[in-house]
Amino acid sequence: MTANVLFRIFTIEIGDTPTLMFEAQNMREAQELCHEQWLKDDLAEAKFHGVPLWDGKAKFRARTALPDESALFAEAKNNGRPSDGLLLVYLVKLDGETEDQPVDPGGFPPGRS
């Protein structure tokens, strides 16, 4: 028997920049992801316009995703490849991505007025 677990969508901000989204059961679990070394390593290597997403100093902060961010996450989840792991949806288009590669929806910032 499988437990029916409800997940919420969270956004990680690096400094004050919303950078990526993911699902977690609660805020505590979302905050724990901010301390994962593998994530820090990945974000230090990933680049946006030639600049690493994380400089090794800026603080990570998890928060509940805004409605427009949640819509982007849902779109990526529906259009992406099935995964047993954690789906990370970037709010920035990483360097090296091309138009014909399947990528998480990007383009920062998402439509804000």
Protein backbone atom coordinates (compact mmCIF):
# COMPACT_ATOMS: atom_id res chain seq x y z
CA MET A 1 0.00 0.00 0.00
CA THR A 2 1.38 3.37 -1.02
CA ALA A 3 0.85 6.49 1.03
CA ASN A 4 -0.84 9.32 -0.81
CA VAL A 5 1.61 12.15 -0.13
CA LEU A 6 0.81 15.69 -1.18
CA PHE A 7 3.72 17.77 -2.38
CA ARG A 8 3.98 21.53 -2.62
CA ILE A 9 6.15 23.51 -4.98
CA PHE A 10 9.00 25.55 -3.56
CA THR A 11 11.45 28.03 -5.05
CA ILE A 12 15.07 28.42 -4.00
CA GLU A 13 16.39 31.95 -4.13
CA ILE A 14 20.13 32.49 -4.30
CA GLY A 15 20.73 35.89 -2.84
CA ASP A 16 17.52 37.59 -3.91
CA THR A 17 17.26 35.78 -7.26
CA PRO A 18 14.62 33.06 -7.73
CA THR A 19 16.68 30.31 -9.35
CA LEU A 20 15.03 26.89 -9.27
CA MET A 21 11.86 25.09 -8.22
CA PHE A 22 11.13 21.63 -6.85
CA GLU A 23 8.51 19.68 -4.94
CA ALA A 24 8.70 18.89 -1.23
CA GLN A 25 6.28 17.77 1.45
CA ASN A 26 6.82 20.81 3.67
CA MET A 27 8.99 23.86 4.30
CA ARG A 28 11.38 21.94 6.57
CA GLU A 29 12.12 19.47 3.78
CA ALA A 30 12.51 22.36 1.31
CA GLN A 31 14.98 24.11 3.62
CA GLU A 32 16.99 20.90 3.95
CA LEU A 33 17.61 20.91 0.20
CA CYS A 34 19.32 24.30 0.57
CA HIS A 35 22.05 22.61 2.63
CA GLU A 36 22.76 19.70 0.27
CA GLN A 37 26.37 19.78 -0.94
CA TRP A 38 25.54 18.17 -4.31
CA LEU A 39 23.11 21.02 -5.04
CA LYS A 40 25.65 23.66 -4.05
CA ASP A 41 28.24 21.98 -6.28
CA ASP A 42 25.82 21.84 -9.22
CA LEU A 43 24.82 25.48 -8.80
CA ALA A 44 28.46 26.59 -8.57
CA GLU A 45 29.16 24.82 -11.89
CA ALA A 46 25.99 25.88 -13.75
CA LYS A 47 26.25 29.25 -15.49
CA PHE A 48 23.87 31.95 -16.67
CA HIS A 49 25.50 34.37 -19.13
CA GLY A 50 28.92 33.03 -18.14
CA VAL A 51 28.40 33.68 -14.42
CA PRO A 52 27.99 30.79 -11.95
CA LEU A 53 24.51 30.60 -10.43
CA TRP A 54 26.14 30.41 -7.00
CA ASP A 55 29.35 32.20 -6.03
CA GLY A 56 29.93 30.04 -2.96
CA LYS A 57 28.89 32.85 -0.62
CA ALA A 58 25.31 33.93 -1.34
CA LYS A 59 22.63 32.53 0.96
CA PHE A 60 20.08 30.01 -0.23
CA ARG A 61 16.48 30.52 0.86
CA ALA A 62 13.55 28.23 0.15
CA ARG A 63 10.08 29.72 -0.08
CA THR A 64 6.69 28.66 -1.36
CA ALA A 65 6.56 29.14 -5.13
CA LEU A 66 4.52 32.04 -6.48
CA PRO A 67 1.52 31.17 -8.69
CA ASP A 68 3.36 31.98 -11.96
CA GLU A 69 6.32 29.88 -10.83
CA SER A 70 4.00 26.99 -9.92
CA ALA A 71 2.48 27.16 -13.40
CA LEU A 72 5.96 26.90 -14.97
CA PHE A 73 6.78 23.95 -12.75
CA ALA A 74 3.55 22.16 -13.69
CA GLU A 75 4.28 22.74 -17.38
CA ALA A 76 7.79 21.33 -17.03
CA LYS A 77 6.55 18.33 -15.08
CA ASN A 78 3.90 17.57 -17.70
CA ASN A 79 6.27 18.05 -20.64
CA GLY A 80 9.37 16.47 -19.14
CA ARG A 81 10.67 12.96 -19.03
CA PRO A 82 9.37 10.74 -16.22
CA SER A 83 11.75 10.66 -13.31
CA ASP A 84 12.00 8.73 -10.08
CA GLY A 85 14.24 11.43 -8.64
CA LEU A 86 13.86 15.05 -7.65
CA LEU A 87 12.72 17.28 -10.51
CA LEU A 88 14.53 20.62 -10.48
CA VAL A 89 13.09 23.30 -12.76
CA TYR A 90 15.38 26.26 -13.35
CA LEU A 91 14.00 29.77 -13.64
CA VAL A 92 17.05 30.75 -15.68
CA LYS A 93 18.21 29.40 -19.01
CA LEU A 94 21.53 27.76 -18.32
CA ASP A 95 24.48 28.38 -20.63
CA GLY A 96 24.88 25.59 -23.16
CA GLU A 97 21.18 24.85 -23.56
CA THR A 98 19.92 24.97 -27.10
CA GLU A 99 16.45 25.45 -28.49
CA ASP A 100 16.12 21.83 -29.63
CA GLN A 101 17.25 20.30 -26.33
CA PRO A 102 14.49 19.39 -23.92
CA VAL A 103 15.04 21.83 -21.07
CA ASP A 104 13.11 22.96 -18.09
CA PRO A 105 11.17 26.13 -18.91
CA GLY A 106 13.37 29.07 -18.31
CA GLY A 107 13.77 32.63 -19.15
CA PHE A 108 14.20 34.65 -16.02
CA PRO A 109 12.28 36.33 -14.74
CA PRO A 110 9.01 34.56 -15.43
CA GLY A 111 6.34 36.99 -16.62
CA ARG A 112 6.16 39.54 -13.84
CA SER A 113 4.50 42.91 -14.01
